[in-house]
Structure formats: structure tokens, C-alpha cells
Amino acid sequence: MQNLSDQTQIPSSNERETASQQMPEYQEGMGPQEGYQYQPPLYTPEPPPLQYAQQQQYQYQPYGTWSPGDVNPRERTSMGLKVGTAALLCYLFGWVGGLVFFLLERENRFVRFHAMQSLLFFGAMSILGWICNFFPYALFGLGGVVGLVSFIGWIVLMVAAHRGRYYKLPLFGDYAEQLITSIRL
């Protein structure tokens, strides 16, 4: 019998290569967890399908921009006021404010439109209110409805005008647009 301890076995070159592949060499002071570096993932996420992008109905607008069809809020009228402020003032005082701004503003179509719409809408509401107050028993409750419609219209129109939007009321908006093109002061 041979003594195995007496024989020194020298590893072959193949065994040396496999041993070096199995045991990674670490720098001094670094364990196996600390020596690894970040490897990026092998996959990249795909963009959403095209049909998803087409389903989105909204568009992001950064702050300080206006929609197409709106008026530039930094634009000035011939009186020196900002356009949104002048349009708001057309509605603030009812038909009287509309009449004043329609007579004073000669160049800005946006302000003239809101002045004429204010003049027509609040003029009609004032006349309906006076008729309802003159015949309170015949038109029972109609005065309150006219007042409520006038108040809601007043708020909605002031907000829309100050934001720089052409907000056309169903009957009065088209008629106001026709009148500002035909009447030149």
C-alpha cells in the first residue's frame, strides 16, 4: 500500500483554470458583497402602446400659457388697462359697465365683444326684472328666477372674461359679435 500523504499531487493546468474561475479574488478588506459593482438590468421598459397615448384627452399646459383662441393676458387696451381686467369691468357694473367700455374702447375686439355681450345680457335681464316687478301677481316667482339667472351669469361671465376667454352666451354672444363688427365708433 502506498502512503497518499507522501505523494504530492500537482494539479494540472485545467484544474488550475477551473479553480480560479470558482474562487474569485477579492481585494484585501473587501468581502464578496462589497466587491461587486452595480450591473444595469438586462431589459429596458417598453413605452406605452400608441393607443394608450391616443386615449388621453387632456393636454398639459404649463403655468402662464394660454389656450389657442384665448387672449394674451399681458396685452393692453387702448385705455392702458390689461385686457382681462377691462373685460371683467365690462361685467362688474352690469349693463352700465358694458355701455361705458363699448363707448370708450375702440381698438380691442375682445373688450368690445364682452362690453356688447354685457350690455345685451344684463339689459335684457334688467328689463325682464322690471316687468316681473311691475306685475308681481301675474308673473308669480319669475322675478326670483330672473335674479338668480342674472347672478349666476354675472359670476360666470366675469371669471371667463378675466381669464381671457371668449365666452359666448347662446343668444347674446352671436348677436354681440354681429353688432361689434357692424357698429364702429
Protein backbone atom coordinates (compact mmCIF):
# COMPACT_ATOMS: atom_id res chain seq x y z
CA MET A 1 0.00 0.00 0.00
CA GLN A 2 1.13 3.37 -0.80
CA ASN A 3 1.06 6.27 1.52
CA LEU A 4 -1.01 9.07 -0.02
CA SER A 5 0.42 11.69 2.23
CA ASP A 6 3.89 11.10 0.84
CA GLN A 7 2.82 11.84 -2.67
CA THR A 8 2.34 15.43 -3.53
CA GLN A 9 -0.10 15.87 -6.26
CA ILE A 10 0.48 18.68 -8.64
CA PRO A 11 -2.76 19.99 -10.16
CA SER A 12 -2.99 20.01 -13.91
CA SER A 13 -3.45 23.22 -15.90
CA ASN A 14 -7.18 22.51 -16.44
CA GLU A 15 -7.73 22.09 -12.75
CA ARG A 16 -5.95 25.39 -12.06
CA GLU A 17 -8.22 27.30 -14.51
CA THR A 18 -11.42 25.88 -13.05
CA ALA A 19 -10.23 26.65 -9.53
CA SER A 20 -9.52 30.26 -10.43
CA GLN A 21 -12.96 30.56 -12.01
CA GLN A 22 -14.66 29.14 -8.96
CA MET A 23 -12.98 31.32 -6.38
CA PRO A 24 -12.96 34.99 -7.25
CA GLU A 25 -10.09 37.02 -5.95
CA TYR A 26 -11.01 39.80 -3.59
CA GLN A 27 -9.07 42.85 -2.69
CA GLU A 28 -7.81 42.99 0.83
CA GLY A 29 -10.50 44.23 3.23
CA MET A 30 -13.37 43.65 0.82
CA GLY A 31 -15.72 40.74 1.23
CA PRO A 32 -17.72 39.17 -1.55
CA GLN A 33 -20.64 41.61 -1.13
CA GLU A 34 -18.56 44.77 -1.22
CA GLY A 35 -16.53 43.96 -4.30
CA TYR A 36 -19.45 43.74 -6.70
CA GLN A 37 -20.44 46.72 -8.76
CA TYR A 38 -23.92 47.67 -9.95
CA GLN A 39 -24.96 45.93 -13.12
CA PRO A 40 -27.73 47.62 -15.15
CA PRO A 41 -30.80 45.49 -15.78
CA LEU A 42 -30.79 43.37 -18.90
CA TYR A 43 -34.18 44.68 -20.06
CA THR A 44 -35.47 48.16 -20.76
CA PRO A 45 -39.12 49.01 -20.15
CA GLU A 46 -41.17 49.49 -23.30
CA PRO A 47 -43.03 52.76 -23.91
CA PRO A 48 -46.80 52.61 -23.51
CA PRO A 49 -48.70 51.46 -26.57
CA LEU A 50 -49.75 54.09 -29.08
CA GLN A 51 -53.43 53.51 -28.45
CA TYR A 52 -52.95 54.48 -24.79
CA ALA A 53 -51.40 57.79 -25.80
CA GLN A 54 -54.33 58.49 -28.10
CA GLN A 55 -56.87 57.82 -25.37
CA GLN A 56 -55.63 60.66 -23.20
CA GLN A 57 -57.97 63.59 -23.66
CA TYR A 58 -56.10 66.27 -21.76
CA GLN A 59 -53.02 68.28 -22.60
CA TYR A 60 -50.65 69.62 -20.02
CA GLN A 61 -50.25 73.36 -20.23
CA PRO A 62 -47.50 74.96 -18.22
CA TYR A 63 -48.43 77.78 -15.90
CA GLY A 64 -48.53 81.14 -17.63
CA THR A 65 -49.60 79.89 -21.05
CA TRP A 66 -52.99 80.37 -22.63
CA SER A 67 -55.08 78.13 -24.84
CA PRO A 68 -55.49 78.75 -28.56
CA GLY A 69 -58.33 81.20 -29.07
CA ASP A 70 -57.73 82.96 -25.79
CA VAL A 71 -56.32 86.44 -25.46
CA ASN A 72 -52.81 87.17 -24.28
CA PRO A 73 -53.26 88.30 -20.66
CA ARG A 74 -50.36 90.75 -20.96
CA GLU A 75 -51.98 92.57 -23.86
CA ARG A 76 -53.14 96.14 -23.20
CA THR A 77 -56.21 98.01 -24.40
CA SER A 78 -56.20 101.47 -25.93
CA MET A 79 -57.09 102.80 -22.45
CA GLY A 80 -53.95 101.26 -20.93
CA LEU A 81 -55.72 98.51 -18.95
CA LYS A 82 -54.91 94.83 -19.21
CA VAL A 83 -57.34 93.03 -21.47
CA GLY A 84 -58.64 90.66 -18.78
CA THR A 85 -59.20 93.49 -16.32
CA ALA A 86 -61.07 95.61 -18.84
CA ALA A 87 -63.28 92.65 -19.84
CA LEU A 88 -64.02 91.92 -16.18
CA LEU A 89 -65.01 95.52 -15.60
CA CYS A 90 -67.47 95.28 -18.51
CA TYR A 91 -69.48 92.78 -16.46
CA LEU A 92 -68.81 94.14 -12.97
CA PHE A 93 -71.29 97.01 -13.23
CA GLY A 94 -73.90 95.23 -15.34
CA TRP A 95 -75.18 96.86 -18.50
CA VAL A 96 -73.81 100.26 -17.43
CA GLY A 97 -70.22 98.93 -17.41
CA GLY A 98 -70.82 97.33 -20.80
CA LEU A 99 -72.07 100.62 -22.25
CA VAL A 100 -69.13 102.60 -20.84
CA PHE A 101 -66.49 100.20 -22.17
CA PHE A 102 -68.23 99.85 -25.53
CA LEU A 103 -68.12 103.62 -25.99
CA LEU A 104 -64.56 104.10 -24.68
CA GLU A 105 -62.69 101.12 -26.15
CA ARG A 106 -62.30 101.45 -29.90
CA GLU A 107 -59.50 99.08 -30.87
CA ASN A 108 -59.58 95.87 -28.84
CA ARG A 109 -62.13 93.43 -30.28
CA PHE A 110 -62.08 91.21 -27.17
CA VAL A 111 -63.09 94.03 -24.82
CA ARG A 112 -65.68 95.34 -27.27
CA PHE A 113 -67.23 91.87 -27.56
CA HIS A 114 -67.52 91.48 -23.78
CA ALA A 115 -68.86 95.02 -23.43
CA MET A 116 -71.58 94.38 -26.02
CA GLN A 117 -72.47 90.99 -24.54
CA SER A 118 -72.73 92.60 -21.10
CA LEU A 119 -74.90 95.36 -22.49
CA LEU A 120 -77.26 92.88 -24.19
CA PHE A 121 -77.45 90.24 -21.44
CA PHE A 122 -77.78 92.50 -18.41
CA GLY A 123 -80.02 94.92 -20.34
CA ALA A 124 -82.41 92.07 -21.16
CA MET A 125 -82.27 90.75 -17.57
CA SER A 126 -82.97 94.24 -16.19
CA ILE A 127 -85.98 94.70 -18.49
CA LEU A 128 -87.33 91.23 -17.54
CA GLY A 129 -86.79 92.03 -13.86
CA TRP A 130 -88.66 95.34 -14.14
CA ILE A 131 -91.57 93.63 -15.94
CA CYS A 132 -91.73 90.93 -13.26
CA ASN A 133 -91.72 93.56 -10.51
CA PHE A 134 -94.40 95.63 -12.27
CA PHE A 135 -96.77 92.63 -12.45
CA PRO A 136 -95.89 90.65 -9.32
CA TYR A 137 -99.12 88.65 -9.10
CA ALA A 138 -99.41 87.77 -12.78
CA LEU A 139 -95.78 86.55 -13.04
CA PHE A 140 -95.55 84.88 -9.64
CA GLY A 141 -92.00 83.72 -8.86
CA LEU A 142 -90.50 84.67 -12.22
CA GLY A 143 -88.66 87.68 -10.72
CA GLY A 144 -86.65 85.42 -8.43
CA VAL A 145 -85.65 83.17 -11.34
CA VAL A 146 -84.54 86.17 -13.39
CA GLY A 147 -82.48 87.44 -10.46
CA LEU A 148 -80.85 84.04 -9.95
CA VAL A 149 -80.01 83.67 -13.65
CA SER A 150 -78.55 87.19 -13.65
CA PHE A 151 -76.37 86.48 -10.62
CA ILE A 152 -75.04 83.17 -11.96
CA GLY A 153 -74.41 84.74 -15.36
CA TRP A 154 -72.64 87.68 -13.71
CA ILE A 155 -70.19 85.38 -11.87
CA VAL A 156 -69.54 83.04 -14.82
CA LEU A 157 -69.02 85.87 -17.31
CA MET A 158 -66.67 87.82 -15.04
CA VAL A 159 -64.46 84.78 -14.41
CA ALA A 160 -64.36 83.82 -18.10
CA ALA A 161 -63.59 87.37 -19.22
CA HIS A 162 -60.83 87.84 -16.66
CA ARG A 163 -59.20 84.58 -17.79
CA GLY A 164 -59.11 85.92 -21.34
CA ARG A 165 -61.72 83.61 -22.88
CA TYR A 166 -64.31 84.41 -25.50
CA TYR A 167 -67.29 83.02 -23.62
CA LYS A 168 -70.35 83.39 -25.83
CA LEU A 169 -73.80 83.09 -24.31
CA PRO A 170 -76.22 81.15 -26.52
CA LEU A 171 -78.41 84.01 -27.80
CA PHE A 172 -76.50 87.08 -26.78
CA GLY A 173 -72.98 86.05 -27.87
CA ASP A 174 -73.70 85.69 -31.59
CA TYR A 175 -75.73 88.88 -31.65
CA ALA A 176 -73.00 90.78 -29.78
CA GLU A 177 -70.41 89.58 -32.31
CA GLN A 178 -72.54 90.79 -35.21
CA LEU A 179 -73.08 94.16 -33.56
CA ILE A 180 -69.41 94.89 -32.82
CA THR A 181 -68.50 94.26 -36.46
CA SER A 182 -71.30 96.49 -37.78
CA ILE A 183 -71.03 99.33 -35.23
CA ARG A 184 -67.79 101.33 -35.45
CA LEU A 185 -67.41 104.40 -33.26
